[in-house]
Amino acid sequence: MDAKPAAICAACNRVLNEGRSAIYDSLFDRYFCDNACWSDWYAENWAEYKRKYVSREDL
C-alpha cells in the first residue's frame, strides 16, 4: 500500500506523504519538509511574517 500525498512543501514543492512528520505554519496554513525549508521560505518572506507560528505535525 502506497502512502497518500497529504501536503506539498511550500518552499521546495516536495510531496509530503501521510505517515511522516512535517513543519506546519499555522499562521499561513503551509507545510514544510523540515526546518531548512521553513528557514529558506522565511528568509524570503520575513517582512510578512512577524511571529513564528509553527509546530511539528504528523501527517
PDB file of N, CA and C in Angstrom:
ATOM      1  N   MET A   1       0.846  -1.177   0.000  1.00  0.00           N
ATOM      2  CA  MET A   1       0.000   0.000   0.000  1.00  0.00           C
ATOM      3  C   MET A   1       0.895   1.245   0.000  1.00  0.00           C
ATOM      4  N   ASP A   2       0.672   2.127  -0.932  1.00  0.00           N
ATOM      5  CA  ASP A   2       1.469   3.339  -1.035  1.00  0.00           C
ATOM      6  C   ASP A   2       0.912   4.431  -0.131  1.00  0.00           C
ATOM      7  N   ALA A   3       1.818   5.262   0.372  1.00  0.00           N
ATOM      8  CA  ALA A   3       1.405   6.396   1.195  1.00  0.00           C
ATOM      9  C   ALA A   3       0.713   7.429   0.314  1.00  0.00           C
ATOM     10  N   LYS A   4      -0.301   8.043   0.855  1.00  0.00           N
ATOM     11  CA  LYS A   4      -1.065   9.041   0.108  1.00  0.00           C
ATOM     12  C   LYS A   4      -0.452  10.422   0.311  1.00  0.00           C
ATOM     13  N   PRO A   5      -0.423  11.249  -0.745  1.00  0.00           N
ATOM     14  CA  PRO A   5       0.044  12.627  -0.580  1.00  0.00           C
ATOM     15  C   PRO A   5      -0.871  13.372   0.392  1.00  0.00           C
ATOM     16  N   ALA A   6      -0.266  14.035   1.370  1.00  0.00           N
ATOM     17  CA  ALA A   6      -1.055  14.760   2.366  1.00  0.00           C
ATOM     18  C   ALA A   6      -0.877  16.262   2.249  1.00  0.00           C
ATOM     19  N   ALA A   7       0.288  16.701   1.744  1.00  0.00           N
ATOM     20  CA  ALA A   7       0.579  18.131   1.640  1.00  0.00           C
ATOM     21  C   ALA A   7       1.732  18.326   0.659  1.00  0.00           C
ATOM     22  N   ILE A   8       1.998  19.569   0.332  1.00  0.00           N
ATOM     23  CA  ILE A   8       3.115  19.960  -0.527  1.00  0.00           C
ATOM     24  C   ILE A   8       3.965  20.954   0.246  1.00  0.00           C
ATOM     25  N   CYS A   9       5.280  20.781   0.214  1.00  0.00           N
ATOM     26  CA  CYS A   9       6.175  21.726   0.872  1.00  0.00           C
ATOM     27  C   CYS A   9       6.068  23.079   0.171  1.00  0.00           C
ATOM     28  N   ALA A  10       5.824  24.134   0.945  1.00  0.00           N
ATOM     29  CA  ALA A  10       5.663  25.468   0.379  1.00  0.00           C
ATOM     30  C   ALA A  10       6.978  26.048  -0.135  1.00  0.00           C
ATOM     31  N   ALA A  11       8.111  25.501   0.296  1.00  0.00           N
ATOM     32  CA  ALA A  11       9.409  26.027  -0.129  1.00  0.00           C
ATOM     33  C   ALA A  11       9.955  25.314  -1.363  1.00  0.00           C
ATOM     34  N   CYS A  12       9.922  23.974  -1.364  1.00  0.00           N
ATOM     35  CA  CYS A  12      10.547  23.222  -2.457  1.00  0.00           C
ATOM     36  C   CYS A  12       9.556  22.421  -3.304  1.00  0.00           C
ATOM     37  N   ASN A  13       8.270  22.479  -2.966  1.00  0.00           N
ATOM     38  CA  ASN A  13       7.202  21.783  -3.696  1.00  0.00           C
ATOM     39  C   ASN A  13       7.291  20.262  -3.631  1.00  0.00           C
ATOM     40  N   ARG A  14       8.007  19.727  -2.649  1.00  0.00           N
ATOM     41  CA  ARG A  14       8.089  18.280  -2.466  1.00  0.00           C
ATOM     42  C   ARG A  14       6.765  17.758  -1.937  1.00  0.00           C
ATOM     43  N   VAL A  15       6.341  16.599  -2.420  1.00  0.00           N
ATOM     44  CA  VAL A  15       5.125  15.960  -1.933  1.00  0.00           C
ATOM     45  C   VAL A  15       5.410  15.361  -0.565  1.00  0.00           C
ATOM     46  N   LEU A  16       4.587  15.696   0.407  1.00  0.00           N
ATOM     47  CA  LEU A  16       4.715  15.179   1.770  1.00  0.00           C
ATOM     48  C   LEU A  16       3.623  14.139   1.978  1.00  0.00           C
ATOM     49  N   ASN A  17       4.031  12.895   2.104  1.00  0.00           N
ATOM     50  CA  ASN A  17       3.086  11.787   2.215  1.00  0.00           C
ATOM     51  C   ASN A  17       2.617  11.573   3.644  1.00  0.00           C
ATOM     52  N   GLU A  18       1.464  10.914   3.779  1.00  0.00           N
ATOM     53  CA  GLU A  18       0.955  10.513   5.085  1.00  0.00           C
ATOM     54  C   GLU A  18       1.987   9.609   5.741  1.00  0.00           C
ATOM     55  N   GLY A  19       2.044   9.654   7.060  1.00  0.00           N
ATOM     56  CA  GLY A  19       2.938   8.782   7.788  1.00  0.00           C
ATOM     57  C   GLY A  19       4.289   9.388   8.098  1.00  0.00           C
ATOM     58  N   ARG A  20       4.524  10.614   7.703  1.00  0.00           N
ATOM     59  CA  ARG A  20       5.774  11.289   8.034  1.00  0.00           C
ATOM     60  C   ARG A  20       5.454  12.575   8.765  1.00  0.00           C
ATOM     61  N   SER A  21       6.459  13.186   9.350  1.00  0.00           N
ATOM     62  CA  SER A  21       6.233  14.451  10.033  1.00  0.00           C
ATOM     63  C   SER A  21       6.672  15.599   9.126  1.00  0.00           C
ATOM     64  N   ALA A  22       6.149  16.771   9.422  1.00  0.00           N
ATOM     65  CA  ALA A  22       6.470  17.969   8.646  1.00  0.00           C
ATOM     66  C   ALA A  22       6.337  19.179   9.558  1.00  0.00           C
ATOM     67  N   ILE A  23       6.893  20.285   9.138  1.00  0.00           N
ATOM     68  CA  ILE A  23       6.736  21.541   9.855  1.00  0.00           C
ATOM     69  C   ILE A  23       5.474  22.209   9.337  1.00  0.00           C
ATOM     70  N   TYR A  24       4.581  22.594  10.250  1.00  0.00           N
ATOM     71  CA  TYR A  24       3.330  23.246   9.864  1.00  0.00           C
ATOM     72  C   TYR A  24       3.335  24.683  10.343  1.00  0.00           C
ATOM     73  N   ASP A  25       3.043  25.597   9.451  1.00  0.00           N
ATOM     74  CA  ASP A  25       2.946  27.021   9.749  1.00  0.00           C
ATOM     75  C   ASP A  25       1.461  27.354   9.865  1.00  0.00           C
ATOM     76  N   SER A  26       0.977  27.507  11.099  1.00  0.00           N
ATOM     77  CA  SER A  26      -0.456  27.730  11.304  1.00  0.00           C
ATOM     78  C   SER A  26      -0.890  29.149  10.950  1.00  0.00           C
ATOM     79  N   LEU A  27       0.041  30.095  10.904  1.00  0.00           N
ATOM     80  CA  LEU A  27      -0.311  31.459  10.529  1.00  0.00           C
ATOM     81  C   LEU A  27      -0.678  31.539   9.049  1.00  0.00           C
ATOM     82  N   PHE A  28       0.124  30.887   8.198  1.00  0.00           N
ATOM     83  CA  PHE A  28      -0.130  30.911   6.754  1.00  0.00           C
ATOM     84  C   PHE A  28      -0.710  29.608   6.222  1.00  0.00           C
ATOM     85  N   ASP A  29      -0.956  28.625   7.100  1.00  0.00           N
ATOM     86  CA  ASP A  29      -1.513  27.323   6.710  1.00  0.00           C
ATOM     87  C   ASP A  29      -0.670  26.672   5.619  1.00  0.00           C
ATOM     88  N   ARG A  30       0.634  26.496   5.911  1.00  0.00           N
ATOM     89  CA  ARG A  30       1.561  25.895   4.957  1.00  0.00           C
ATOM     90  C   ARG A  30       2.382  24.817   5.646  1.00  0.00           C
ATOM     91  N   TYR A  31       2.782  23.818   4.861  1.00  0.00           N
ATOM     92  CA  TYR A  31       3.635  22.733   5.338  1.00  0.00           C
ATOM     93  C   TYR A  31       5.018  22.861   4.723  1.00  0.00           C
ATOM     94  N   PHE A  32       6.034  22.397   5.478  1.00  0.00           N
ATOM     95  CA  PHE A  32       7.414  22.411   5.022  1.00  0.00           C
ATOM     96  C   PHE A  32       8.056  21.069   5.347  1.00  0.00           C
ATOM     97  N   CYS A  33       9.020  20.635   4.510  1.00  0.00           N
ATOM     98  CA  CYS A  33       9.714  19.356   4.710  1.00  0.00           C
ATOM     99  C   CYS A  33      10.391  19.294   6.069  1.00  0.00           C
ATOM    100  N   ASP A  34      11.107  20.362   6.396  1.00  0.00           N
ATOM    101  CA  ASP A  34      11.899  20.387   7.619  1.00  0.00           C
ATOM    102  C   ASP A  34      12.227  21.838   7.963  1.00  0.00           C
ATOM    103  N   ASN A  35      13.039  22.015   8.995  1.00  0.00           N
ATOM    104  CA  ASN A  35      13.398  23.376   9.415  1.00  0.00           C
ATOM    105  C   ASN A  35      14.174  24.125   8.343  1.00  0.00           C
ATOM    106  N   ALA A  36      14.985  23.417   7.550  1.00  0.00           N
ATOM    107  CA  ALA A  36      15.759  24.076   6.495  1.00  0.00           C
ATOM    108  C   ALA A  36      14.833  24.688   5.445  1.00  0.00           C
ATOM    109  N   CYS A  37      13.817  23.962   5.022  1.00  0.00           N
ATOM    110  CA  CYS A  37      12.861  24.508   4.043  1.00  0.00           C
ATOM    111  C   CYS A  37      12.086  25.672   4.646  1.00  0.00           C
ATOM    112  N   TRP A  38      11.678  25.521   5.912  1.00  0.00           N
ATOM    113  CA  TRP A  38      10.969  26.627   6.553  1.00  0.00           C
ATOM    114  C   TRP A  38      11.863  27.854   6.641  1.00  0.00           C
ATOM    115  N   SER A  39      13.131  27.681   6.998  1.00  0.00           N
ATOM    116  CA  SER A  39      14.076  28.793   7.104  1.00  0.00           C
ATOM    117  C   SER A  39      14.298  29.479   5.761  1.00  0.00           C
ATOM    118  N   ASP A  40      14.417  28.683   4.687  1.00  0.00           N
ATOM    119  CA  ASP A  40      14.576  29.263   3.348  1.00  0.00           C
ATOM    120  C   ASP A  40      13.361  30.098   2.980  1.00  0.00           C
ATOM    121  N   TRP A  41      12.165  29.558   3.235  1.00  0.00           N
ATOM    122  CA  TRP A  41      10.938  30.288   2.930  1.00  0.00           C
ATOM    123  C   TRP A  41      10.852  31.560   3.779  1.00  0.00           C
ATOM    124  N   TYR A  42      11.178  31.437   5.057  1.00  0.00           N
ATOM    125  CA  TYR A  42      11.114  32.581   5.972  1.00  0.00           C
ATOM    126  C   TYR A  42      12.066  33.689   5.542  1.00  0.00           C
ATOM    127  N   ALA A  43      13.274  33.319   5.100  1.00  0.00           N
ATOM    128  CA  ALA A  43      14.266  34.315   4.679  1.00  0.00           C
ATOM    129  C   ALA A  43      13.733  35.188   3.544  1.00  0.00           C
ATOM    130  N   GLU A  44      12.897  34.608   2.695  1.00  0.00           N
ATOM    131  CA  GLU A  44      12.333  35.355   1.571  1.00  0.00           C
ATOM    132  C   GLU A  44      11.033  36.067   1.933  1.00  0.00           C
ATOM    133  N   ASN A  45      10.408  35.691   3.048  1.00  0.00           N
ATOM    134  CA  ASN A  45       9.089  36.224   3.402  1.00  0.00           C
ATOM    135  C   ASN A  45       9.036  36.841   4.794  1.00  0.00           C
ATOM    136  N   TRP A  46      10.186  37.200   5.360  1.00  0.00           N
ATOM    137  CA  TRP A  46      10.242  37.685   6.740  1.00  0.00           C
ATOM    138  C   TRP A  46       9.429  38.951   6.958  1.00  0.00           C
ATOM    139  N   ALA A  47       9.318  39.814   5.972  1.00  0.00           N
ATOM    140  CA  ALA A  47       8.591  41.071   6.155  1.00  0.00           C
ATOM    141  C   ALA A  47       7.111  40.821   6.454  1.00  0.00           C
ATOM    142  N   GLU A  48       6.546  39.762   5.877  1.00  0.00           N
ATOM    143  CA  GLU A  48       5.141  39.423   6.103  1.00  0.00           C
ATOM    144  C   GLU A  48       4.957  38.559   7.347  1.00  0.00           C
ATOM    145  N   TYR A  49       6.014  38.025   7.827  1.00  0.00           N
ATOM    146  CA  TYR A  49       5.941  37.038   8.891  1.00  0.00           C
ATOM    147  C   TYR A  49       6.502  37.613  10.188  1.00  0.00           C
ATOM    148  N   LYS A  50       5.661  38.124  11.011  1.00  0.00           N
ATOM    149  CA  LYS A  50       6.102  38.807  12.228  1.00  0.00           C
ATOM    150  C   LYS A  50       6.362  37.856  13.391  1.00  0.00           C
ATOM    151  N   ARG A  51       5.666  36.749  13.443  1.00  0.00           N
ATOM    152  CA  ARG A  51       5.852  35.787  14.533  1.00  0.00           C
ATOM    153  C   ARG A  51       5.936  34.382  13.961  1.00  0.00           C
ATOM    154  N   LYS A  52       6.623  33.519  14.643  1.00  0.00           N
ATOM    155  CA  LYS A  52       6.797  32.138  14.195  1.00  0.00           C
ATOM    156  C   LYS A  52       5.685  31.260  14.767  1.00  0.00           C
ATOM    157  N   TYR A  53       4.704  30.924  13.956  1.00  0.00           N
ATOM    158  CA  TYR A  53       3.596  30.056  14.346  1.00  0.00           C
ATOM    159  C   TYR A  53       3.780  28.705  13.684  1.00  0.00           C
ATOM    160  N   VAL A  54       4.709  27.915  14.148  1.00  0.00           N
ATOM    161  CA  VAL A  54       4.952  26.621  13.544  1.00  0.00           C
ATOM    162  C   VAL A  54       4.988  25.522  14.603  1.00  0.00           C
ATOM    163  N   SER A  55       4.710  24.326  14.179  1.00  0.00           N
ATOM    164  CA  SER A  55       4.785  23.163  15.049  1.00  0.00           C
ATOM    165  C   SER A  55       5.074  21.937  14.202  1.00  0.00           C
ATOM    166  N   ARG A  56       5.584  20.882  14.819  1.00  0.00           N
ATOM    167  CA  ARG A  56       5.784  19.628  14.101  1.00  0.00           C
ATOM    168  C   ARG A  56       4.483  18.850  14.145  1.00  0.00           C
ATOM    169  N   GLU A  57       4.042  18.360  12.993  1.00  0.00           N
ATOM    170  CA  GLU A  57       2.781  17.636  12.870  1.00  0.00           C
ATOM    171  C   GLU A  57       3.020  16.289  12.212  1.00  0.00           C
ATOM    172  N   ASP A  58       2.285  15.290  12.625  1.00  0.00           N
ATOM    173  CA  ASP A  58       2.305  14.002  11.945  1.00  0.00           C
ATOM    174  C   ASP A  58       1.197  14.020  10.899  1.00  0.00           C
ATOM    175  N   LEU A  59       1.535  13.640   9.690  1.00  0.00           N
ATOM    176  CA  LEU A  59       0.564  13.657   8.587  1.00  0.00           C
ATOM    177  C   LEU A  59      -0.142  12.336   8.470  1.00  0.00           C
TER     178      LEU A  59
END
